[in-house]
């Protein structure tokens, strides 16, 4: 009997897949990764055994997710297509990595997941499997002809669950697809597939509406060392945390209470399909804003320009599932080098969905108050700027001379409204 390690959530898809694989004679071991989702994971473990799994494991990966995945993404200021903070994408390689490790421990040569053939997660899971163990075999039911013949979509799965007595949360009148972890929760499917339709307030399950958030600001001081958040002091609530996991969870709590981190966007999936996603990412939104600010005072200008060129590529690599790749190793080394002196404290105000920087300080500061002052000379010879401007103007003057010769001078551009 083939032994399969199934990445199991207890939700609709993986519950049906577990039962379907067992019905076809497979020995299925369910693996439940605790990445901070707000669910009863012991109940999920019990449900997996009841549904037919021979074994079921629940493992706590929250700390590793924060230290080895979230914090590197913060150091890179990673955000996909300018808005998505990669909550699901960051968790998938960790889950898949541990799945492969369990397969080795249990003597299994097969791993399975419940991601569809239209989405990104199938790529994230399977690229990780292949990167970490090229000999392992992958079961992906949503790309299996027999499975597809039986299940056209979520309504068929709900009907199957009802026939076989499998308890599921999804229903025909509320078929939302949600994925939650300690970074965020995402909402897709159902009425959200119409990009014109605004999500109703009941869709949001993590963050409070900014309109209903407290009428007082929350003041925080975030400490950074080598680009990593190492301490948060909550001046409003009297909290002082240095433990990475507890620090991140407190940032989530503050952000959620104050309506921070809601995003509604249409994005480009790796497989070439556009999709609409509604995201709630409170803590990481605050940390990224603070990190970008401390870089402003402590990072060299040219290093920042180069790192900013790399950041979108970093986010794309994460989004597309190439966490375990040579290009990610290369980028991570460059990002780590850029963060060697990104130390200091950022003072923040959190209020009704807004993250406002109140000030910053750093022992690695490149800011010179006297040098930048308009009131004192501060060692800067302003006459040097004459030559500086003249040198940079040479290129503009040469360009204008050529354009004028061709009858397309600056005057014509101004007349045409350019």
Protein backbone atom coordinates (compact mmCIF):
# COMPACT_ATOMS: atom_id res chain seq x y z
CA UNK A 1 0.00 0.00 0.00
CA UNK A 2 1.43 3.39 -1.03
CA UNK A 3 2.10 5.72 1.88
CA UNK A 4 1.27 9.38 1.28
CA UNK A 5 2.03 12.44 3.44
CA UNK A 6 -0.86 14.82 2.86
CA UNK A 7 -0.64 18.51 3.74
CA UNK A 8 -3.94 18.67 5.62
CA UNK A 9 -5.82 21.71 6.86
CA UNK A 10 -9.12 20.19 7.93
CA UNK A 11 -10.93 22.31 5.37
CA UNK A 12 -13.16 21.28 2.51
CA UNK A 13 -10.56 20.44 -0.15
CA UNK A 14 -8.08 18.46 1.93
CA UNK A 15 -10.81 16.60 3.82
CA UNK A 16 -12.34 15.40 0.55
CA UNK A 17 -8.92 14.57 -0.88
CA UNK A 18 -7.99 12.54 2.19
CA UNK A 19 -11.17 10.46 1.97
CA UNK A 20 -10.83 10.10 -1.81
CA UNK A 21 -7.21 8.84 -1.55
CA UNK A 22 -8.06 6.38 1.23
CA UNK A 23 -10.99 5.07 -0.83
CA UNK A 24 -8.49 4.27 -3.58
CA UNK A 25 -6.35 2.14 -1.31
CA UNK A 26 -3.67 4.59 -0.17
CA UNK A 27 -2.24 4.80 3.34
CA UNK A 28 -2.63 8.51 4.07
CA UNK A 29 -0.75 10.26 6.87
CA UNK A 30 -2.19 13.72 7.53
CA UNK A 31 0.19 16.52 8.38
CA UNK A 32 -1.30 19.63 10.00
CA UNK A 33 1.09 22.59 10.12
CA UNK A 34 0.44 25.11 12.87
CA UNK A 35 1.40 28.38 11.20
CA UNK A 36 -0.85 30.49 13.38
CA UNK A 37 -4.22 29.93 11.73
CA UNK A 38 -7.09 30.64 14.08
CA UNK A 39 -8.44 27.10 14.10
CA UNK A 40 -8.73 24.14 16.44
CA UNK A 41 -5.86 22.05 15.12
CA UNK A 42 -6.38 19.20 17.55
CA UNK A 43 -9.91 18.98 16.20
CA UNK A 44 -8.42 18.90 12.68
CA UNK A 45 -6.13 16.05 13.74
CA UNK A 46 -9.07 14.12 15.15
CA UNK A 47 -11.08 14.82 12.00
CA UNK A 48 -8.26 13.50 9.81
CA UNK A 49 -8.21 10.22 11.73
CA UNK A 50 -12.00 9.99 11.57
CA UNK A 51 -11.92 10.64 7.81
CA UNK A 52 -9.50 7.76 7.25
CA UNK A 53 -5.91 8.85 7.92
CA UNK A 54 -3.68 6.16 9.46
CA UNK A 55 -1.76 8.82 11.38
CA UNK A 56 -2.11 12.55 11.89
CA UNK A 57 0.54 14.98 13.07
CA UNK A 58 0.15 18.56 14.29
CA UNK A 59 3.39 20.55 14.47
CA UNK A 60 3.98 24.10 15.68
CA UNK A 61 5.91 26.07 13.03
CA UNK A 62 4.98 29.58 14.14
CA UNK A 63 8.35 30.64 15.54
CA UNK A 64 10.25 29.32 12.51
CA UNK A 65 7.80 31.09 10.20
CA UNK A 66 8.52 34.41 11.91
CA UNK A 67 12.30 34.15 12.24
CA UNK A 68 13.17 32.37 8.97
CA UNK A 69 10.52 33.66 6.55
CA UNK A 70 8.71 36.77 7.83
CA UNK A 71 11.78 38.65 9.07
CA UNK A 72 13.79 38.06 5.85
CA UNK A 73 10.81 39.40 3.87
CA UNK A 74 10.71 42.49 6.10
CA UNK A 75 14.44 43.03 5.55
CA UNK A 76 13.75 42.96 1.81
CA UNK A 77 10.67 45.26 2.10
CA UNK A 78 9.02 42.56 0.00
CA UNK A 79 5.59 43.28 -1.43
CA UNK A 80 4.14 41.69 -4.58
CA UNK A 81 2.78 44.02 -7.26
CA UNK A 82 3.07 46.91 -4.84
CA UNK A 83 0.36 45.69 -2.46
CA UNK A 84 0.32 42.01 -1.49
CA UNK A 85 2.52 41.25 1.52
CA UNK A 86 2.95 37.56 0.69
CA UNK A 87 1.18 36.09 3.71
CA UNK A 88 0.31 32.77 2.07
CA UNK A 89 3.40 32.65 -0.14
CA UNK A 90 5.79 32.90 2.82
CA UNK A 91 4.18 30.03 4.72
CA UNK A 92 3.98 27.49 1.89
CA UNK A 93 7.71 26.65 1.53
CA UNK A 94 7.99 26.06 5.28
CA UNK A 95 4.98 23.72 5.27
CA UNK A 96 6.26 21.83 2.23
CA UNK A 97 9.78 21.58 3.67
CA UNK A 98 8.48 19.98 6.85
CA UNK A 99 6.23 17.70 4.80
CA UNK A 100 9.27 16.32 2.97
CA UNK A 101 11.07 15.83 6.29
CA UNK A 102 8.10 13.85 7.65
CA UNK A 103 8.01 11.76 4.48
CA UNK A 104 11.65 10.82 5.06
CA UNK A 105 10.94 9.98 8.71
CA UNK A 106 7.88 7.87 7.89
CA UNK A 107 9.43 6.12 4.92
CA UNK A 108 6.97 7.60 2.44
CA UNK A 109 7.87 8.29 -1.17
CA UNK A 110 4.67 10.22 -1.96
CA UNK A 111 3.49 13.66 -0.84
CA UNK A 112 0.15 15.31 -1.63
CA UNK A 113 -1.49 18.71 -1.35
CA UNK A 114 -4.94 20.18 -1.98
CA UNK A 115 -4.01 23.16 -4.12
CA UNK A 116 -5.87 23.62 -7.38
CA UNK A 117 -4.38 23.59 -10.85
CA UNK A 118 -5.36 27.23 -11.36
CA UNK A 119 -3.59 28.76 -8.37
CA UNK A 120 -0.17 29.63 -7.03
CA UNK A 121 -0.02 27.19 -4.12
CA UNK A 122 0.40 24.13 -6.34
CA UNK A 123 3.61 25.69 -7.66
CA UNK A 124 4.86 26.68 -4.21
CA UNK A 125 4.31 23.22 -2.77
CA UNK A 126 5.67 21.25 -5.70
CA UNK A 127 8.74 23.37 -6.42
CA UNK A 128 9.71 23.00 -2.77
CA UNK A 129 9.21 19.23 -2.91
CA UNK A 130 11.38 18.93 -6.00
CA UNK A 131 14.07 21.30 -4.70
CA UNK A 132 14.48 19.43 -1.42
CA UNK A 133 14.04 15.86 -2.70
CA UNK A 134 14.16 15.35 -6.48
CA UNK A 135 13.18 11.68 -6.06
CA UNK A 136 9.90 12.27 -4.23
CA UNK A 137 6.63 11.72 -6.08
CA UNK A 138 3.81 14.27 -5.96
CA UNK A 139 0.08 13.55 -5.80
CA UNK A 140 -1.93 16.58 -6.92
CA UNK A 141 -5.61 15.54 -7.14
CA UNK A 142 -6.78 18.77 -8.74
CA UNK A 143 -4.61 17.83 -11.74
CA UNK A 144 -5.73 14.18 -11.74
CA UNK A 145 -8.18 13.21 -14.48
CA UNK A 146 -10.19 10.82 -12.27
CA UNK A 147 -10.54 13.42 -9.53
CA UNK A 148 -11.55 16.14 -11.99
CA UNK A 149 -14.17 13.87 -13.51
CA UNK A 150 -15.79 13.56 -10.09
CA UNK A 151 -15.33 17.11 -8.83
CA UNK A 152 -15.97 20.14 -11.01
CA UNK A 153 -15.75 22.57 -8.11
CA UNK A 154 -16.65 23.33 -4.53
CA UNK A 155 -20.35 22.49 -4.89
CA UNK A 156 -19.47 18.93 -5.93
CA UNK A 157 -17.13 18.63 -2.98
CA UNK A 158 -19.77 19.84 -0.53
CA UNK A 159 -22.19 17.26 -1.93
CA UNK A 160 -19.52 14.53 -1.58
CA UNK A 161 -18.91 15.55 2.02
CA UNK A 162 -22.61 15.35 2.78
CA UNK A 163 -22.87 11.88 1.23
CA UNK A 164 -19.94 10.52 3.24
CA UNK A 165 -20.60 12.27 6.53
CA UNK A 166 -17.55 14.54 6.36
CA UNK A 167 -18.04 17.71 8.39
CA UNK A 168 -17.00 20.88 6.53
CA UNK A 169 -17.43 24.57 7.20
CA UNK A 170 -18.09 25.57 3.60
CA UNK A 171 -21.65 25.85 2.38
CA UNK A 172 -23.34 26.47 -0.94
CA UNK A 173 -24.53 29.91 0.13
CA UNK A 174 -21.14 31.04 1.46
CA UNK A 175 -18.42 29.35 -0.60
CA UNK A 176 -15.57 31.66 0.36
CA UNK A 177 -12.05 30.33 0.15
CA UNK A 178 -9.97 31.54 3.08
CA UNK A 179 -6.38 30.91 4.05
CA UNK A 180 -5.16 32.16 7.40
CA UNK A 181 -1.90 32.09 9.29
CA UNK A 182 -0.13 34.37 11.76
CA UNK A 183 0.84 36.74 8.92
CA UNK A 184 -2.57 37.33 7.38
CA UNK A 185 -5.87 35.95 6.22
CA UNK A 186 -6.91 35.94 2.57
CA UNK A 187 -10.44 35.84 1.16
CA UNK A 188 -11.30 34.65 -2.35
CA UNK A 189 -14.07 33.00 -4.38
CA UNK A 190 -17.85 33.36 -4.18
CA UNK A 191 -19.15 36.89 -4.59
CA UNK A 192 -15.56 38.19 -4.41
CA UNK A 193 -14.92 36.82 -7.89
CA UNK A 194 -16.77 39.89 -9.21
CA UNK A 195 -14.11 42.61 -8.99
CA UNK A 196 -16.79 45.33 -8.95
CA UNK A 197 -18.32 44.05 -5.73
CA UNK A 198 -16.97 45.54 -2.53
CA UNK A 199 -16.43 43.00 0.27
CA UNK A 200 -19.04 43.36 2.97
CA UNK A 201 -17.81 43.88 6.51
CA UNK A 202 -18.63 40.29 7.51
CA UNK A 203 -15.95 39.06 5.07
CA UNK A 204 -13.24 40.55 7.28
CA UNK A 205 -12.43 38.26 10.19
CA UNK A 206 -9.07 39.52 11.46
CA UNK A 207 -9.11 43.32 11.45
CA UNK A 208 -11.58 45.79 12.84
CA UNK A 209 -13.05 48.32 10.42
CA UNK A 210 -11.05 51.57 10.57
CA UNK A 211 -14.35 53.40 11.14
CA UNK A 212 -14.96 51.29 14.26
CA UNK A 213 -11.37 51.36 15.52
CA UNK A 214 -10.58 53.15 18.82
CA UNK A 215 -10.71 56.93 18.87
CA UNK A 216 -7.26 57.08 20.44
CA UNK A 217 -3.88 56.41 18.86
CA UNK A 218 -1.57 53.59 19.89
CA UNK A 219 2.06 54.66 20.23
CA UNK A 220 4.82 52.15 19.59
CA UNK A 221 8.60 52.17 19.55
CA UNK A 222 10.11 49.49 17.30
CA UNK A 223 13.77 48.54 17.75
CA UNK A 224 15.78 47.10 14.84
CA UNK A 225 19.12 45.30 14.72
CA UNK A 226 20.58 44.38 11.32
CA UNK A 227 17.19 45.12 9.78
CA UNK A 228 15.35 42.70 12.07
CA UNK A 229 12.75 43.85 14.61
CA UNK A 230 14.15 42.87 18.01
CA UNK A 231 11.92 44.74 20.46
CA UNK A 232 8.61 46.55 20.58
CA UNK A 233 7.63 48.95 23.34
CA UNK A 234 3.92 49.72 23.35
CA UNK A 235 3.73 53.05 25.17
CA UNK A 236 -0.08 53.01 25.15
CA UNK A 237 -0.68 49.53 26.54
CA UNK A 238 2.49 49.04 28.59
CA UNK A 239 3.73 46.03 26.61
CA UNK A 240 7.45 45.39 26.11
CA UNK A 241 8.32 42.35 23.95
CA UNK A 242 11.65 41.07 22.64
CA UNK A 243 10.74 37.47 21.81
CA UNK A 244 10.35 37.27 18.00
CA UNK A 245 7.06 35.38 18.00
CA UNK A 246 5.44 37.36 20.81
CA UNK A 247 6.66 40.60 19.22
CA UNK A 248 5.02 39.71 15.92
CA UNK A 249 1.80 38.59 17.56
CA UNK A 250 1.59 41.87 19.47
CA UNK A 251 2.04 43.80 16.23
CA UNK A 252 -0.84 41.78 14.79
CA UNK A 253 -3.00 42.57 17.81
CA UNK A 254 -2.32 46.31 17.61
CA UNK A 255 -2.79 46.41 13.85
CA UNK A 256 -6.00 44.37 13.92
CA UNK A 257 -7.57 46.49 16.67
CA UNK A 258 -6.78 49.65 14.74
CA UNK A 259 -7.94 48.54 11.30
CA UNK A 260 -4.48 48.32 9.73
CA UNK A 261 -3.54 46.16 6.75
CA UNK A 262 -6.66 45.69 4.62
CA UNK A 263 -5.99 45.26 0.89
CA UNK A 264 -8.43 44.53 -1.94
CA UNK A 265 -6.67 43.87 -5.25
CA UNK A 266 -6.62 42.02 -8.54
CA UNK A 267 -3.25 40.32 -8.93
CA UNK A 268 -1.43 38.24 -11.51
CA UNK A 269 -1.02 34.62 -10.56
CA UNK A 270 2.14 32.84 -11.69
CA UNK A 271 0.10 30.55 -13.96
CA UNK A 272 -1.09 33.56 -15.98
CA UNK A 273 -4.56 34.07 -14.52
CA UNK A 274 -5.69 37.28 -12.85
CA UNK A 275 -7.43 36.81 -9.52
CA UNK A 276 -9.14 39.03 -6.99
CA UNK A 277 -7.97 38.73 -3.40
CA UNK A 278 -8.96 40.50 -0.20
CA UNK A 279 -6.21 40.45 2.40
CA UNK A 280 -5.81 41.41 6.05
CA UNK A 281 -2.16 41.76 7.08
CA UNK A 282 -1.99 43.98 10.18
CA UNK A 283 1.33 43.28 11.92
CA UNK A 284 3.51 42.97 8.86
CA UNK A 285 2.12 46.21 7.46
CA UNK A 286 3.32 48.05 10.58
CA UNK A 287 6.71 46.34 10.62
CA UNK A 288 7.38 47.03 6.95
CA UNK A 289 6.53 50.73 7.37
CA UNK A 290 8.88 50.99 10.34
CA UNK A 291 11.66 49.09 8.60
CA UNK A 292 11.53 51.31 5.53
CA UNK A 293 11.77 54.35 7.79
CA UNK A 294 14.83 53.19 9.75
CA UNK A 295 16.54 52.46 6.44
CA UNK A 296 15.99 56.09 5.48
CA UNK A 297 18.34 57.24 8.22
CA UNK A 298 20.81 54.33 8.33
CA UNK A 299 21.22 53.02 4.76
CA UNK A 300 23.60 54.40 2.17
CA UNK A 301 21.85 55.96 -0.81
CA UNK A 302 23.42 53.76 -3.50
CA UNK A 303 22.94 50.59 -1.46
CA UNK A 304 19.29 51.55 -1.07
CA UNK A 305 18.88 52.06 -4.79
CA UNK A 306 20.31 48.64 -5.54
CA UNK A 307 18.30 46.94 -2.80
CA UNK A 308 15.13 48.64 -4.09
CA UNK A 309 15.82 47.13 -7.50
CA UNK A 310 16.10 43.70 -5.90
CA UNK A 311 13.02 43.97 -3.66
CA UNK A 312 10.39 43.41 -6.41
CA UNK A 313 12.38 40.42 -7.67
CA UNK A 314 12.60 39.04 -4.14
CA UNK A 315 8.81 39.35 -3.80
CA UNK A 316 8.26 37.73 -7.20
CA UNK A 317 10.51 34.80 -6.30
CA UNK A 318 8.59 34.25 -3.06
CA UNK A 319 5.20 34.63 -4.76
CA UNK A 320 6.11 32.22 -7.54
CA UNK A 321 7.36 29.51 -5.17
CA UNK A 322 11.13 29.63 -5.66
CA UNK A 323 12.10 30.08 -2.00
CA UNK A 324 14.55 27.16 -2.25
CA UNK A 325 16.42 28.23 -5.37
CA UNK A 326 19.90 29.49 -6.28
CA UNK A 327 18.51 32.90 -7.19
CA UNK A 328 16.95 33.21 -3.74
CA UNK A 329 20.27 32.26 -2.11
CA UNK A 330 21.94 35.00 -4.13
CA UNK A 331 19.31 37.62 -3.29
CA UNK A 332 19.21 36.69 0.39
CA UNK A 333 22.97 37.18 0.64
CA UNK A 334 22.67 40.62 -0.96
CA UNK A 335 19.74 41.61 1.26
CA UNK A 336 21.57 40.45 4.40
CA UNK A 337 24.63 42.49 3.41
CA UNK A 338 22.47 45.60 2.94
CA UNK A 339 21.10 45.26 6.47
CA UNK A 340 24.37 45.08 8.41
CA UNK A 341 24.00 48.57 9.95
CA UNK A 342 20.22 48.98 9.84
CA UNK A 343 19.93 49.55 13.57
CA UNK A 344 17.79 51.95 15.57
CA UNK A 345 14.36 52.81 16.87
CA UNK A 346 11.28 53.98 14.97
CA UNK A 347 8.48 55.71 16.90
CA UNK A 348 5.01 55.10 15.45
CA UNK A 349 1.42 56.20 15.85
CA UNK A 350 -1.27 53.65 14.89
CA UNK A 351 -4.71 55.17 14.38
CA UNK A 352 -7.80 54.11 12.40
CA UNK A 353 -6.03 52.18 9.66
CA UNK A 354 -3.04 54.50 9.46
CA UNK A 355 0.59 53.87 10.38
CA UNK A 356 2.34 57.21 10.96
CA UNK A 357 6.02 57.61 11.76
CA UNK A 358 6.58 60.11 14.60
CA UNK A 359 10.37 59.96 14.64
CA UNK A 360 13.41 57.77 14.44
CA UNK A 361 16.89 57.41 15.98
CA UNK A 362 19.92 55.32 15.13
CA UNK A 363 23.52 54.86 16.27
CA UNK A 364 24.21 54.02 12.61
CA UNK A 365 22.63 57.25 11.40
CA UNK A 366 24.00 58.81 8.22
CA UNK A 367 21.95 61.93 8.88
CA UNK A 368 23.99 65.02 9.78
CA UNK A 369 21.81 67.74 11.22
CA UNK A 370 24.39 70.48 10.69
CA UNK A 371 25.22 69.36 7.16
CA UNK A 372 21.55 69.41 6.06
CA UNK A 373 20.56 72.52 8.01
CA UNK A 374 19.30 75.60 6.18
CA UNK A 375 20.39 77.77 9.10
CA UNK A 376 24.09 76.93 9.45
CA UNK A 377 26.82 76.15 6.96
CA UNK A 378 27.79 72.91 8.70
CA UNK A 379 30.95 72.25 6.66
CA UNK A 380 29.17 72.30 3.29
CA UNK A 381 30.53 74.85 0.80
CA UNK A 382 27.45 75.95 -1.09
CA UNK A 383 29.60 77.39 -3.90
CA UNK A 384 30.59 73.81 -4.78
CA UNK A 385 27.04 73.33 -6.02
CA UNK A 386 27.76 75.61 -8.98
CA UNK A 387 30.10 73.10 -10.57
CA UNK A 388 27.88 70.19 -9.50
CA UNK A 389 24.90 71.66 -11.36
CA UNK A 390 26.97 72.71 -14.39
CA UNK A 391 28.29 69.17 -14.83
CA UNK A 392 24.81 67.64 -14.66
CA UNK A 393 23.45 70.33 -17.00
CA UNK A 394 25.90 69.39 -19.78
CA UNK A 395 23.83 66.37 -20.80
CA UNK A 396 20.57 68.38 -20.84
CA UNK A 397 22.11 71.18 -22.89
CA UNK A 398 23.51 68.71 -25.43
CA UNK A 399 20.15 67.00 -25.75
CA UNK A 400 18.34 70.30 -26.26
CA UNK A 401 20.86 71.37 -28.94
CA UNK A 402 20.15 68.22 -30.96
CA UNK A 403 16.38 68.58 -30.58
CA UNK A 404 16.50 72.24 -31.59
CA UNK A 405 18.51 71.36 -34.71
CA UNK A 406 15.73 68.94 -35.63
CA UNK A 407 13.06 71.53 -34.99
CA UNK A 408 11.92 69.81 -31.78
CA UNK A 409 13.38 72.09 -29.17
CA UNK A 410 12.24 72.70 -25.62
CA UNK A 411 9.94 75.52 -26.76
CA UNK A 412 7.97 73.10 -28.92
CA UNK A 413 7.66 70.61 -26.09
CA UNK A 414 6.39 73.30 -23.75
CA UNK A 415 3.91 74.51 -26.36
CA UNK A 416 2.59 70.97 -26.80
CA UNK A 417 2.07 70.58 -23.07
CA UNK A 418 4.83 68.10 -22.37
